[in-house]
Each structure stands twice: as C-alpha cells, then as structure tokens.
Amino acid sequence: MADNYLENKFEEFRKKTVARKPAVSLGTLLRRNRSYRGFDKSSPVTQAQLRRIAEVCTLVPSGRNQQVLRLKLLTRNNGADQMQGLYKLGAALPELHLPFPGTEPEAFIIICSTVDPDKWVHMDVGIAAQSMLLKAVEMGLGGICIGAFNKQALIETFVLPYEPVLMLAIGKPAEKIELLPVHAGEPLKYYRENGIHYVPKIVANDLIL
C-alpha cells in the first residue's frame, strides 16, 4: 500500500509539472520587447494592468537607493486621450507622422523625479523603464520609451508635482518589428519596408572589447 501511495503521489506531481505552463525566458522577453509605435485600439489597457507594470519598480535597483522616481498612470478612463499632441514618435520617419490615426497608445506611464535629474536619476529611469516594458511584454502588451514630449504641458495638464523625465506608451502591439544584425560602423537608422519595421542591432562580437 505504501508503494502504491508513493506511486500515485509521484504521478500526480508529474501531471501537474507537465501541465504547468513553462516560464518565458528572458531572451524571449527581450526579443519581444520592441519600440512599438502602433497599437490595437480594440484592446484597452486597464488601470490594474498599469499598476502591475508599475509595481516592478519596487523590485529594481536604484542608484544610492535614493528611489526618487514617481509614476503617473494614465488610461482611457483618466486622461490618456489628453496625451495626443503632447509627444512625438518616430523621429527617424517624420514623413509617416506616427502613430497612424486609429493606432494611438492605449495608456501611458509618466516617469517623474522628486529631485533634479542627474546621472543617478537617469540610471534609475533607464532601469525602471526597461523593467516595466519587460513586464508589459510578459503580460501580452508592449510599449515604447518616449523622450520627445512637451514637459510643461504635461505638468499643467496632469497637475504633476514633479518633473517628468520620460514617458512609456503602453498597449497591445499592432506592428511587426524585426531585428537586423549589423556590424559596428554600419547604418543604425530604423526603417519600414512592406509594412515591416526593421531595427538594426550591432552583433555581439562587435560590442565586446
């Protein structure tokens, strides 16, 4: 009886292990984490989803452990529609006037700093932004870092108590993006061809000194 009991328990464990969805690797998340400039408007982003994304900032490193970043979360229900005209996307493709009408971001995270930005703050912003975007990808969403925005208009429109230093646009991606391996010294400008957004990336051998 003891042998049967152990066999049954082992079989239960095996079935649970097989049925469990395998974890997505970091490499997969990184490949999927592209700078999306077009989003599916039929898939709204909720405040709860944005909060899950923002909560990764409680886990990431912070220079000198200052933890000076503060986040404003915007969805359709609390001001995301007011963002249009306050930022720019696709600086390398000005003729396209991105995002295309009907593909605007569904939500935004405005990253602010409680102190004047310095190298430590900028380091924290980079870590926080990448971590939040990876979380978005894990959730089946995507996004982009936006540095071209009207800072004063953001402060006034959303009554921000601190200076915005970066924004994230979040939504369900509606674009196909492919990476192109290139060597150091070759052109790095992204471009579009036949509906695909191509992004050159320097190969590892050329990155390592």
N, C-alpha and C. Protein backbone atom coordinates (compact mmCIF):
# COMPACT_ATOMS: atom_id res chain seq x y z
N MET A 1 0.83 -1.21 0.00
CA MET A 1 0.00 0.00 0.00
C MET A 1 0.86 1.26 0.00
N ALA A 2 1.94 1.17 0.77
CA ALA A 2 2.83 2.32 0.83
C ALA A 2 3.42 2.61 -0.53
N ASP A 3 3.79 1.52 -1.26
CA ASP A 3 4.37 1.71 -2.57
C ASP A 3 3.37 2.35 -3.53
N ASN A 4 2.11 1.89 -3.49
CA ASN A 4 1.08 2.46 -4.35
C ASN A 4 0.84 3.93 -4.02
N TYR A 5 0.86 4.25 -2.74
CA TYR A 5 0.64 5.63 -2.33
C TYR A 5 1.72 6.55 -2.92
N LEU A 6 2.98 6.11 -2.81
CA LEU A 6 4.07 6.91 -3.35
C LEU A 6 3.99 7.03 -4.86
N GLU A 7 3.63 5.93 -5.52
CA GLU A 7 3.49 5.97 -6.97
C GLU A 7 2.40 6.93 -7.40
N ASN A 8 1.26 6.89 -6.68
CA ASN A 8 0.15 7.78 -7.01
C ASN A 8 0.54 9.24 -6.81
N LYS A 9 1.24 9.54 -5.72
CA LYS A 9 1.67 10.90 -5.45
C LYS A 9 2.66 11.38 -6.52
N PHE A 10 3.56 10.49 -6.91
CA PHE A 10 4.52 10.86 -7.96
C PHE A 10 3.81 11.14 -9.27
N GLU A 11 2.80 10.33 -9.61
CA GLU A 11 2.07 10.54 -10.84
C GLU A 11 1.30 11.86 -10.81
N GLU A 12 0.72 12.20 -9.65
CA GLU A 12 0.03 13.49 -9.52
C GLU A 12 1.00 14.65 -9.73
N PHE A 13 2.17 14.53 -9.13
CA PHE A 13 3.19 15.57 -9.27
C PHE A 13 3.64 15.71 -10.72
N ARG A 14 3.83 14.56 -11.39
CA ARG A 14 4.27 14.59 -12.79
C ARG A 14 3.24 15.27 -13.67
N LYS A 15 1.97 14.98 -13.47
CA LYS A 15 0.91 15.57 -14.29
C LYS A 15 0.84 17.09 -14.08
N LYS A 16 0.99 17.51 -12.83
CA LYS A 16 0.96 18.94 -12.54
C LYS A 16 2.15 19.65 -13.18
N THR A 17 3.31 18.98 -13.14
CA THR A 17 4.52 19.57 -13.71
C THR A 17 4.41 19.69 -15.22
N VAL A 18 3.88 18.66 -15.87
CA VAL A 18 3.72 18.68 -17.32
C VAL A 18 2.71 19.73 -17.75
N ALA A 19 1.62 19.86 -16.96
CA ALA A 19 0.55 20.80 -17.31
C ALA A 19 0.93 22.25 -17.07
N ARG A 20 1.92 22.44 -16.20
CA ARG A 20 2.30 23.81 -15.85
C ARG A 20 2.92 24.51 -17.06
N LYS A 21 2.46 25.72 -17.30
CA LYS A 21 2.96 26.48 -18.44
C LYS A 21 4.42 26.86 -18.20
N PRO A 22 5.31 26.53 -19.14
CA PRO A 22 6.73 26.85 -18.95
C PRO A 22 6.95 28.36 -18.88
N ALA A 23 7.89 28.78 -18.04
CA ALA A 23 8.19 30.21 -17.89
C ALA A 23 8.81 30.74 -19.18
N VAL A 24 8.46 31.97 -19.52
CA VAL A 24 9.05 32.61 -20.69
C VAL A 24 10.46 33.06 -20.33
N SER A 25 11.42 32.74 -21.17
CA SER A 25 12.81 33.08 -20.89
C SER A 25 13.04 34.57 -21.04
N LEU A 26 14.09 35.06 -20.39
CA LEU A 26 14.46 36.47 -20.50
C LEU A 26 14.77 36.81 -21.95
N GLY A 27 15.46 35.90 -22.65
CA GLY A 27 15.79 36.15 -24.05
C GLY A 27 14.55 36.37 -24.90
N THR A 28 13.52 35.57 -24.65
CA THR A 28 12.27 35.72 -25.40
C THR A 28 11.62 37.07 -25.10
N LEU A 29 11.59 37.46 -23.84
CA LEU A 29 11.01 38.75 -23.47
C LEU A 29 11.77 39.89 -24.11
N LEU A 30 13.09 39.80 -24.12
CA LEU A 30 13.91 40.86 -24.70
C LEU A 30 13.66 40.98 -26.20
N ARG A 31 13.53 39.85 -26.89
CA ARG A 31 13.27 39.90 -28.33
C ARG A 31 11.90 40.48 -28.63
N ARG A 32 10.93 40.20 -27.78
CA ARG A 32 9.58 40.72 -27.99
C ARG A 32 9.44 42.18 -27.57
N ASN A 33 10.34 42.63 -26.73
CA ASN A 33 10.26 43.99 -26.20
C ASN A 33 10.84 44.99 -27.20
N ARG A 34 10.06 45.35 -28.18
CA ARG A 34 10.47 46.29 -29.20
C ARG A 34 9.79 47.64 -28.95
N SER A 35 10.24 48.66 -29.68
CA SER A 35 9.64 50.00 -29.55
C SER A 35 8.45 50.10 -30.49
N TYR A 36 7.28 49.79 -29.96
CA TYR A 36 6.06 49.80 -30.77
C TYR A 36 5.49 51.21 -30.88
N ARG A 37 5.11 51.57 -32.09
CA ARG A 37 4.54 52.90 -32.34
C ARG A 37 3.12 52.83 -32.87
N GLY A 38 2.55 51.64 -32.88
CA GLY A 38 1.17 51.46 -33.30
C GLY A 38 0.51 50.40 -32.44
N PHE A 39 -0.73 50.67 -32.00
CA PHE A 39 -1.39 49.79 -31.04
C PHE A 39 -2.81 49.46 -31.46
N ASP A 40 -3.29 48.33 -30.96
CA ASP A 40 -4.63 47.83 -31.26
C ASP A 40 -5.64 48.53 -30.35
N LYS A 41 -6.47 49.39 -30.93
CA LYS A 41 -7.43 50.17 -30.13
C LYS A 41 -8.56 49.32 -29.58
N SER A 42 -8.72 48.09 -30.10
CA SER A 42 -9.79 47.22 -29.60
C SER A 42 -9.37 46.49 -28.33
N SER A 43 -8.14 46.70 -27.88
CA SER A 43 -7.64 46.05 -26.66
C SER A 43 -7.23 47.11 -25.64
N PRO A 44 -8.19 47.65 -24.89
CA PRO A 44 -7.85 48.70 -23.91
C PRO A 44 -6.99 48.17 -22.78
N VAL A 45 -6.17 49.06 -22.23
CA VAL A 45 -5.32 48.74 -21.08
C VAL A 45 -6.00 49.28 -19.83
N THR A 46 -6.10 48.46 -18.80
CA THR A 46 -6.79 48.86 -17.58
C THR A 46 -5.82 49.48 -16.57
N GLN A 47 -6.39 50.17 -15.60
CA GLN A 47 -5.58 50.74 -14.53
C GLN A 47 -4.89 49.64 -13.73
N ALA A 48 -5.58 48.51 -13.56
CA ALA A 48 -4.99 47.40 -12.82
C ALA A 48 -3.77 46.85 -13.55
N GLN A 49 -3.84 46.77 -14.87
CA GLN A 49 -2.69 46.31 -15.64
C GLN A 49 -1.51 47.27 -15.52
N LEU A 50 -1.80 48.57 -15.60
CA LEU A 50 -0.72 49.55 -15.45
C LEU A 50 -0.09 49.46 -14.07
N ARG A 51 -0.91 49.22 -13.06
CA ARG A 51 -0.38 49.11 -11.71
C ARG A 51 0.55 47.90 -11.58
N ARG A 52 0.17 46.78 -12.19
CA ARG A 52 1.04 45.60 -12.18
C ARG A 52 2.38 45.92 -12.84
N ILE A 53 2.33 46.67 -13.92
CA ILE A 53 3.57 47.06 -14.61
C ILE A 53 4.40 47.98 -13.72
N ALA A 54 3.73 48.96 -13.10
CA ALA A 54 4.44 49.93 -12.25
C ALA A 54 5.06 49.28 -11.02
N GLU A 55 4.44 48.22 -10.53
CA GLU A 55 4.91 47.60 -9.28
C GLU A 55 6.29 46.96 -9.41
N VAL A 56 6.77 46.73 -10.63
CA VAL A 56 8.12 46.17 -10.76
C VAL A 56 9.16 47.15 -10.23
N CYS A 57 8.80 48.42 -10.17
CA CYS A 57 9.75 49.44 -9.68
C CYS A 57 10.05 49.27 -8.20
N THR A 58 9.26 48.47 -7.50
CA THR A 58 9.56 48.19 -6.09
C THR A 58 10.61 47.10 -5.95
N LEU A 59 11.00 46.50 -7.08
CA LEU A 59 11.94 45.38 -7.05
C LEU A 59 13.28 45.69 -7.69
N VAL A 60 13.36 46.77 -8.47
CA VAL A 60 14.56 47.02 -9.27
C VAL A 60 15.59 47.84 -8.48
N PRO A 61 16.86 47.80 -8.92
CA PRO A 61 17.91 48.59 -8.25
C PRO A 61 17.69 50.09 -8.39
N SER A 62 18.30 50.84 -7.49
CA SER A 62 18.23 52.30 -7.54
C SER A 62 19.59 52.85 -7.11
N GLY A 63 20.15 53.77 -7.92
CA GLY A 63 21.43 54.37 -7.59
C GLY A 63 21.39 55.03 -6.22
N ARG A 64 22.34 54.61 -5.37
CA ARG A 64 22.42 55.11 -3.99
C ARG A 64 21.14 54.80 -3.20
N ASN A 65 20.30 53.95 -3.75
CA ASN A 65 19.00 53.59 -3.17
C ASN A 65 18.16 54.82 -2.85
N GLN A 66 18.25 55.83 -3.70
CA GLN A 66 17.50 57.08 -3.47
C GLN A 66 16.00 56.91 -3.71
N GLN A 67 15.63 56.06 -4.69
CA GLN A 67 14.22 55.78 -5.00
C GLN A 67 13.42 57.08 -5.18
N VAL A 68 13.87 57.89 -6.14
CA VAL A 68 13.27 59.21 -6.33
C VAL A 68 12.22 59.24 -7.44
N LEU A 69 11.99 58.10 -8.10
CA LEU A 69 11.05 58.08 -9.22
C LEU A 69 9.60 57.98 -8.72
N ARG A 70 8.73 58.71 -9.39
CA ARG A 70 7.29 58.66 -9.12
C ARG A 70 6.56 58.51 -10.45
N LEU A 71 5.45 57.79 -10.45
CA LEU A 71 4.79 57.40 -11.69
C LEU A 71 3.35 57.89 -11.76
N LYS A 72 2.99 58.45 -12.90
CA LYS A 72 1.60 58.83 -13.18
C LYS A 72 1.05 57.84 -14.19
N LEU A 73 -0.04 57.16 -13.83
CA LEU A 73 -0.63 56.12 -14.68
C LEU A 73 -1.87 56.66 -15.38
N LEU A 74 -1.88 56.58 -16.70
CA LEU A 74 -2.98 57.14 -17.48
C LEU A 74 -3.58 56.09 -18.42
N THR A 75 -4.88 55.91 -18.34
CA THR A 75 -5.61 55.03 -19.25
C THR A 75 -6.71 55.84 -19.94
N ARG A 76 -7.52 55.18 -20.75
CA ARG A 76 -8.64 55.85 -21.40
C ARG A 76 -9.55 56.56 -20.39
N ASN A 77 -9.66 55.96 -19.20
CA ASN A 77 -10.61 56.46 -18.21
C ASN A 77 -10.11 57.64 -17.40
N ASN A 78 -8.83 57.95 -17.47
CA ASN A 78 -8.35 59.06 -16.64
C ASN A 78 -7.30 59.93 -17.34
N GLY A 79 -7.47 60.15 -18.65
CA GLY A 79 -6.66 61.18 -19.28
C GLY A 79 -5.75 60.78 -20.40
N ALA A 80 -5.68 59.49 -20.77
CA ALA A 80 -4.77 59.10 -21.85
C ALA A 80 -5.09 59.81 -23.15
N ASP A 81 -6.38 60.12 -23.38
CA ASP A 81 -6.77 60.80 -24.61
C ASP A 81 -6.22 62.22 -24.68
N GLN A 82 -5.87 62.80 -23.53
CA GLN A 82 -5.32 64.16 -23.50
C GLN A 82 -3.85 64.21 -23.89
N MET A 83 -3.25 63.04 -24.07
CA MET A 83 -1.83 62.99 -24.41
C MET A 83 -1.55 63.34 -25.86
N GLN A 84 -2.54 63.17 -26.72
CA GLN A 84 -2.30 63.41 -28.14
C GLN A 84 -1.89 64.87 -28.38
N GLY A 85 -0.81 65.03 -29.12
CA GLY A 85 -0.29 66.36 -29.38
C GLY A 85 0.77 66.80 -28.39
N LEU A 86 0.96 66.02 -27.32
CA LEU A 86 1.94 66.38 -26.29
C LEU A 86 3.25 65.62 -26.44
N TYR A 87 3.33 64.71 -27.40
CA TYR A 87 4.53 63.92 -27.59
C TYR A 87 4.73 63.63 -29.08
N LYS A 88 5.93 63.12 -29.42
CA LYS A 88 6.23 62.77 -30.80
C LYS A 88 6.85 61.38 -30.84
N LEU A 89 6.53 60.65 -31.93
CA LEU A 89 7.08 59.32 -32.15
C LEU A 89 7.71 59.23 -33.53
N GLY A 90 8.67 58.32 -33.67
CA GLY A 90 9.26 58.04 -34.98
C GLY A 90 10.05 59.19 -35.56
N ALA A 91 11.00 59.71 -34.80
CA ALA A 91 11.79 60.85 -35.27
C ALA A 91 12.55 60.54 -36.55
N ALA A 92 12.90 59.26 -36.75
CA ALA A 92 13.65 58.88 -37.95
C ALA A 92 12.74 58.69 -39.16
N LEU A 93 11.43 58.73 -38.92
CA LEU A 93 10.46 58.56 -40.02
C LEU A 93 9.42 59.69 -39.97
N PRO A 94 9.87 60.94 -40.05
CA PRO A 94 8.95 62.08 -39.90
C PRO A 94 7.86 62.12 -40.96
N GLU A 95 8.13 61.54 -42.15
CA GLU A 95 7.14 61.58 -43.22
C GLU A 95 5.91 60.72 -42.93
N LEU A 96 6.03 59.81 -41.95
CA LEU A 96 4.90 58.92 -41.64
C LEU A 96 3.94 59.50 -40.61
N HIS A 97 4.40 60.51 -39.85
CA HIS A 97 3.55 61.14 -38.83
C HIS A 97 2.97 60.10 -37.87
N LEU A 98 3.84 59.31 -37.29
CA LEU A 98 3.42 58.27 -36.35
C LEU A 98 2.97 58.87 -35.02
N PRO A 99 2.01 58.19 -34.34
CA PRO A 99 1.34 56.95 -34.74
C PRO A 99 0.26 57.23 -35.80
N PHE A 100 -0.04 56.20 -36.61
CA PHE A 100 -1.10 56.36 -37.59
C PHE A 100 -2.44 56.55 -36.88
N PRO A 101 -3.35 57.33 -37.47
CA PRO A 101 -4.67 57.51 -36.86
C PRO A 101 -5.34 56.16 -36.59
N GLY A 102 -5.86 56.02 -35.39
CA GLY A 102 -6.50 54.77 -35.01
C GLY A 102 -5.57 53.76 -34.39
N THR A 103 -4.28 54.12 -34.26
CA THR A 103 -3.33 53.19 -33.63
C THR A 103 -2.59 53.87 -32.47
N GLU A 104 -3.18 54.91 -31.92
CA GLU A 104 -2.55 55.63 -30.81
C GLU A 104 -2.43 54.73 -29.57
N PRO A 105 -1.45 55.03 -28.70
CA PRO A 105 -1.29 54.23 -27.48
C PRO A 105 -2.55 54.24 -26.62
N GLU A 106 -2.79 53.12 -25.96
CA GLU A 106 -3.96 52.99 -25.10
C GLU A 106 -3.72 53.56 -23.71
N ALA A 107 -2.47 53.59 -23.28
CA ALA A 107 -2.17 54.03 -21.91
C ALA A 107 -0.75 54.58 -21.85
N PHE A 108 -0.49 55.31 -20.78
CA PHE A 108 0.82 55.93 -20.60
C PHE A 108 1.26 55.83 -19.15
N ILE A 109 2.58 55.77 -18.95
CA ILE A 109 3.18 55.92 -17.63
C ILE A 109 4.16 57.07 -17.73
N ILE A 110 3.89 58.13 -16.99
CA ILE A 110 4.80 59.28 -16.95
C ILE A 110 5.74 59.08 -15.77
N ILE A 111 7.04 59.03 -16.06
CA ILE A 111 8.04 58.83 -15.01
C ILE A 111 8.57 60.19 -14.58
N CYS A 112 8.41 60.51 -13.32
CA CYS A 112 8.86 61.79 -12.77
C CYS A 112 9.97 61.56 -11.74
N SER A 113 10.70 62.63 -11.43
CA SER A 113 11.74 62.56 -10.41
C SER A 113 11.47 63.61 -9.34
N THR A 114 11.63 63.22 -8.09
CA THR A 114 11.41 64.14 -6.98
C THR A 114 12.59 65.08 -6.76
N VAL A 115 13.70 64.82 -7.47
CA VAL A 115 14.89 65.68 -7.37
C VAL A 115 15.33 66.06 -8.78
N ASP A 116 16.20 67.06 -8.88
CA ASP A 116 16.72 67.44 -10.19
C ASP A 116 17.45 66.25 -10.82
N PRO A 117 17.12 65.91 -12.05
CA PRO A 117 17.75 64.75 -12.69
C PRO A 117 19.27 64.89 -12.79
N ASP A 118 19.97 63.87 -12.36
CA ASP A 118 21.42 63.78 -12.52
C ASP A 118 21.73 62.39 -13.06
N LYS A 119 23.00 62.00 -13.08
CA LYS A 119 23.35 60.70 -13.67
C LYS A 119 22.71 59.54 -12.92
N TRP A 120 22.52 59.69 -11.61
CA TRP A 120 21.91 58.61 -10.84
C TRP A 120 20.43 58.48 -11.18
N VAL A 121 19.77 59.60 -11.34
CA VAL A 121 18.35 59.59 -11.70
C VAL A 121 18.16 58.99 -13.09
N HIS A 122 19.00 59.42 -14.03
CA HIS A 122 18.89 58.89 -15.39
C HIS A 122 19.16 57.39 -15.42
N MET A 123 20.07 56.92 -14.58
CA MET A 123 20.33 55.49 -14.48
C MET A 123 19.09 54.76 -13.97
N ASP A 124 18.48 55.32 -12.92
CA ASP A 124 17.26 54.72 -12.37
C ASP A 124 16.14 54.70 -13.40
N VAL A 125 16.01 55.77 -14.15
CA VAL A 125 14.95 55.85 -15.16
C VAL A 125 15.12 54.75 -16.20
N GLY A 126 16.37 54.55 -16.65
CA GLY A 126 16.62 53.51 -17.64
C GLY A 126 16.28 52.12 -17.12
N ILE A 127 16.70 51.84 -15.89
CA ILE A 127 16.41 50.53 -15.28
C ILE A 127 14.91 50.34 -15.12
N ALA A 128 14.23 51.36 -14.59
CA ALA A 128 12.79 51.26 -14.34
C ALA A 128 12.02 51.11 -15.64
N ALA A 129 12.38 51.90 -16.64
CA ALA A 129 11.65 51.87 -17.91
C ALA A 129 11.77 50.51 -18.58
N GLN A 130 12.99 49.99 -18.68
CA GLN A 130 13.18 48.68 -19.31
C GLN A 130 12.45 47.59 -18.54
N SER A 131 12.52 47.65 -17.21
CA SER A 131 11.87 46.62 -16.41
C SER A 131 10.35 46.67 -16.59
N MET A 132 9.78 47.86 -16.64
CA MET A 132 8.34 47.98 -16.83
C MET A 132 7.91 47.49 -18.21
N LEU A 133 8.72 47.78 -19.22
CA LEU A 133 8.38 47.33 -20.57
C LEU A 133 8.47 45.81 -20.67
N LEU A 134 9.45 45.21 -20.00
CA LEU A 134 9.54 43.76 -19.99
C LEU A 134 8.33 43.14 -19.30
N LYS A 135 7.87 43.76 -18.25
CA LYS A 135 6.66 43.28 -17.57
C LYS A 135 5.45 43.39 -18.50
N ALA A 136 5.37 44.49 -19.23
CA ALA A 136 4.28 44.66 -20.18
C ALA A 136 4.28 43.55 -21.22
N VAL A 137 5.47 43.22 -21.73
CA VAL A 137 5.59 42.14 -22.71
C VAL A 137 5.15 40.81 -22.10
N GLU A 138 5.57 40.55 -20.87
CA GLU A 138 5.18 39.33 -20.17
C GLU A 138 3.66 39.21 -20.09
N MET A 139 2.97 40.35 -20.00
CA MET A 139 1.51 40.39 -19.88
C MET A 139 0.80 40.38 -21.23
N GLY A 140 1.57 40.26 -22.32
CA GLY A 140 0.97 40.26 -23.64
C GLY A 140 0.77 41.64 -24.23
N LEU A 141 1.40 42.63 -23.63
CA LEU A 141 1.32 44.00 -24.11
C LEU A 141 2.67 44.41 -24.70
N GLY A 142 2.84 45.68 -24.96
CA GLY A 142 4.10 46.20 -25.46
C GLY A 142 4.11 47.70 -25.26
N GLY A 143 5.23 48.32 -25.58
CA GLY A 143 5.29 49.76 -25.36
C GLY A 143 6.50 50.39 -26.01
N ILE A 144 6.76 51.62 -25.61
CA ILE A 144 7.88 52.37 -26.15
C ILE A 144 8.26 53.46 -25.16
N CYS A 145 9.55 53.77 -25.07
CA CYS A 145 10.02 54.91 -24.28
C CYS A 145 9.88 56.17 -25.13
N ILE A 146 9.34 57.22 -24.55
CA ILE A 146 9.15 58.49 -25.26
C ILE A 146 9.90 59.59 -24.52
N GLY A 147 10.89 60.16 -25.21
CA GLY A 147 11.64 61.27 -24.62
C GLY A 147 11.29 62.61 -25.22
N ALA A 148 10.58 62.58 -26.36
CA ALA A 148 10.18 63.82 -27.04
C ALA A 148 8.77 64.19 -26.62
N PHE A 149 8.65 65.04 -25.64
CA PHE A 149 7.34 65.47 -25.16
C PHE A 149 7.40 66.89 -24.63
N ASN A 150 6.23 67.51 -24.54
CA ASN A 150 6.11 68.88 -24.04
C ASN A 150 6.04 68.83 -22.52
N LYS A 151 7.18 69.04 -21.89
CA LYS A 151 7.28 68.87 -20.43
C LYS A 151 6.31 69.78 -19.67
N GLN A 152 6.28 71.06 -20.04
CA GLN A 152 5.43 72.00 -19.32
C GLN A 152 3.96 71.68 -19.51
N ALA A 153 3.60 71.27 -20.72
CA ALA A 153 2.20 70.91 -20.98
C ALA A 153 1.79 69.69 -20.16
N LEU A 154 2.70 68.73 -20.02
CA LEU A 154 2.40 67.56 -19.20
C LEU A 154 2.16 67.95 -17.74
N ILE A 155 3.03 68.80 -17.22
CA ILE A 155 2.90 69.24 -15.83
C ILE A 155 1.56 69.93 -15.60
N GLU A 156 1.19 70.79 -16.54
CA GLU A 156 -0.05 71.55 -16.38
C GLU A 156 -1.29 70.69 -16.63
N THR A 157 -1.25 69.85 -17.64
CA THR A 157 -2.42 69.04 -17.99
C THR A 157 -2.75 68.03 -16.89
N PHE A 158 -1.73 67.42 -16.32
CA PHE A 158 -1.97 66.35 -15.34
C PHE A 158 -1.60 66.75 -13.91
N VAL A 159 -1.36 68.05 -13.71
CA VAL A 159 -1.06 68.60 -12.38
C VAL A 159 0.03 67.77 -11.70
N LEU A 160 1.15 67.63 -12.38
CA LEU A 160 2.25 66.83 -11.85
C LEU A 160 3.04 67.63 -10.82
N PRO A 161 3.30 67.07 -9.65
CA PRO A 161 4.07 67.79 -8.64
C PRO A 161 5.57 67.72 -8.86
N TYR A 162 5.99 66.83 -9.77
CA TYR A 162 7.42 66.65 -10.03
C TYR A 162 7.70 66.70 -11.53
N GLU A 163 8.98 66.87 -11.86
CA GLU A 163 9.37 67.00 -13.27
C GLU A 163 9.32 65.65 -14.00
N PRO A 164 8.63 65.59 -15.13
CA PRO A 164 8.64 64.35 -15.93
C PRO A 164 9.97 64.22 -16.67
N VAL A 165 10.54 63.02 -16.65
CA VAL A 165 11.82 62.79 -17.31
C VAL A 165 11.72 61.79 -18.45
N LEU A 166 10.68 60.98 -18.47
CA LEU A 166 10.47 60.01 -19.54
C LEU A 166 9.03 59.52 -19.48
N MET A 167 8.52 59.08 -20.63
CA MET A 167 7.18 58.51 -20.68
C MET A 167 7.24 57.13 -21.32
N LEU A 168 6.32 56.27 -20.91
CA LEU A 168 6.12 55.00 -21.58
C LEU A 168 4.72 54.99 -22.17
N ALA A 169 4.60 54.61 -23.43
CA ALA A 169 3.30 54.35 -24.04
C ALA A 169 3.08 52.85 -23.97
N ILE A 170 1.90 52.43 -23.59
CA ILE A 170 1.60 51.01 -23.40
C ILE A 170 0.34 50.62 -24.16
N GLY A 171 0.34 49.43 -24.74
CA GLY A 171 -0.85 48.94 -25.42
C GLY A 171 -0.61 47.57 -26.02
N LYS A 172 -1.60 47.08 -26.73
CA LYS A 172 -1.46 45.82 -27.46
C LYS A 172 -0.82 46.12 -28.81
N PRO A 173 0.40 45.64 -29.06
CA PRO A 173 1.10 46.00 -30.31
C PRO A 173 0.32 45.63 -31.56
N ALA A 174 0.38 46.53 -32.55
CA ALA A 174 -0.28 46.28 -33.84
C ALA A 174 0.73 46.49 -34.95
N GLU A 175 1.98 46.11 -34.69
CA GLU A 175 3.05 46.28 -35.67
C GLU A 175 3.92 45.03 -35.70
N LYS A 176 4.56 44.79 -36.83
CA LYS A 176 5.54 43.73 -36.94
C LYS A 176 6.91 44.36 -37.00
N ILE A 177 7.77 43.97 -36.06
CA ILE A 177 9.11 44.54 -35.97
C ILE A 177 10.14 43.41 -36.05
N GLU A 178 11.17 43.62 -36.85
CA GLU A 178 12.23 42.63 -36.99
C GLU A 178 13.58 43.29 -36.75
N LEU A 179 14.47 42.53 -36.10
CA LEU A 179 15.82 43.00 -35.83
C LEU A 179 16.75 42.56 -36.96
N LEU A 180 17.68 43.45 -37.31
CA LEU A 180 18.67 43.16 -38.35
C LEU A 180 20.07 43.22 -37.75
N PRO A 181 20.81 42.10 -37.76
CA PRO A 181 22.18 42.14 -37.25
C PRO A 181 23.09 42.94 -38.18
N VAL A 182 23.85 43.87 -37.61
CA VAL A 182 24.78 44.68 -38.39
C VAL A 182 26.09 44.77 -37.64
N HIS A 183 27.13 45.23 -38.35
CA HIS A 183 28.43 45.43 -37.72
C HIS A 183 28.61 46.89 -37.31
N ALA A 184 29.45 47.10 -36.33
CA ALA A 184 29.75 48.46 -35.88
C ALA A 184 30.23 49.29 -37.06
N GLY A 185 29.70 50.50 -37.17
CA GLY A 185 30.07 51.38 -38.28
C GLY A 185 29.06 51.38 -39.39
N GLU A 186 28.18 50.37 -39.44
CA GLU A 186 27.13 50.33 -40.45
C GLU A 186 25.96 51.19 -40.01
N PRO A 187 25.08 51.62 -40.93
CA PRO A 187 23.94 52.47 -40.58
C PRO A 187 23.05 51.81 -39.53
N LEU A 188 22.59 52.61 -38.58
CA LEU A 188 21.75 52.11 -37.49
C LEU A 188 20.33 52.69 -37.53
N LYS A 189 20.02 53.46 -38.54
CA LYS A 189 18.70 54.08 -38.63
C LYS A 189 17.63 53.02 -38.91
N TYR A 190 16.57 53.03 -38.10
CA TYR A 190 15.48 52.09 -38.35
C TYR A 190 14.66 52.57 -39.55
N TYR A 191 13.96 51.64 -40.18
CA TYR A 191 13.18 51.99 -41.38
C TYR A 191 12.03 51.00 -41.55
N ARG A 192 11.13 51.32 -42.48
CA ARG A 192 9.97 50.46 -42.76
C ARG A 192 9.94 50.07 -44.23
N GLU A 193 9.56 48.82 -44.44
CA GLU A 193 9.50 48.30 -45.80
C GLU A 193 8.44 47.20 -45.87
N ASN A 194 7.48 47.38 -46.78
CA ASN A 194 6.40 46.40 -46.94
C ASN A 194 5.67 46.12 -45.62
N GLY A 195 5.45 47.18 -44.86
CA GLY A 195 4.70 47.06 -43.62
C GLY A 195 5.47 46.50 -42.43
N ILE A 196 6.76 46.25 -42.61
CA ILE A 196 7.58 45.72 -41.51
C ILE A 196 8.56 46.80 -41.05
N HIS A 197 8.68 46.94 -39.74
CA HIS A 197 9.59 47.91 -39.14
C HIS A 197 10.91 47.20 -38.83
N TYR A 198 12.00 47.62 -39.47
CA TYR A 198 13.29 46.98 -39.30
C TYR A 198 14.19 47.83 -38.39
N VAL A 199 14.85 47.14 -37.46
CA VAL A 199 15.72 47.82 -36.49
C VAL A 199 17.11 47.17 -36.51
N PRO A 200 18.13 47.87 -37.01
CA PRO A 200 19.50 47.33 -36.99
C PRO A 200 20.03 47.23 -35.55
N LYS A 201 20.70 46.12 -35.25
CA LYS A 201 21.32 45.92 -33.94
C LYS A 201 22.74 45.38 -34.14
N ILE A 202 23.70 46.02 -33.49
CA ILE A 202 25.10 45.62 -33.63
C ILE A 202 25.31 44.23 -33.00
N VAL A 203 26.01 43.36 -33.73
CA VAL A 203 26.23 41.99 -33.27
C VAL A 203 27.14 41.96 -32.06
N ALA A 204 27.01 40.90 -31.27
CA ALA A 204 27.72 40.79 -30.00
C ALA A 204 29.24 40.89 -30.16
N ASN A 205 29.79 40.25 -31.19
CA ASN A 205 31.24 40.28 -31.36
C ASN A 205 31.79 41.69 -31.50
N ASP A 206 30.98 42.60 -32.05
CA ASP A 206 31.43 43.98 -32.23
C ASP A 206 31.18 44.83 -30.98
N LEU A 207 30.40 44.32 -30.07
CA LEU A 207 30.14 45.05 -28.83
C LEU A 207 31.19 44.77 -27.77
N ILE A 208 31.76 43.58 -27.84
CA ILE A 208 32.69 43.14 -26.79
C ILE A 208 34.11 43.61 -27.11
N LEU A 209 34.71 44.32 -26.17
CA LEU A 209 36.08 44.84 -26.36
C LEU A 209 37.12 43.79 -26.00
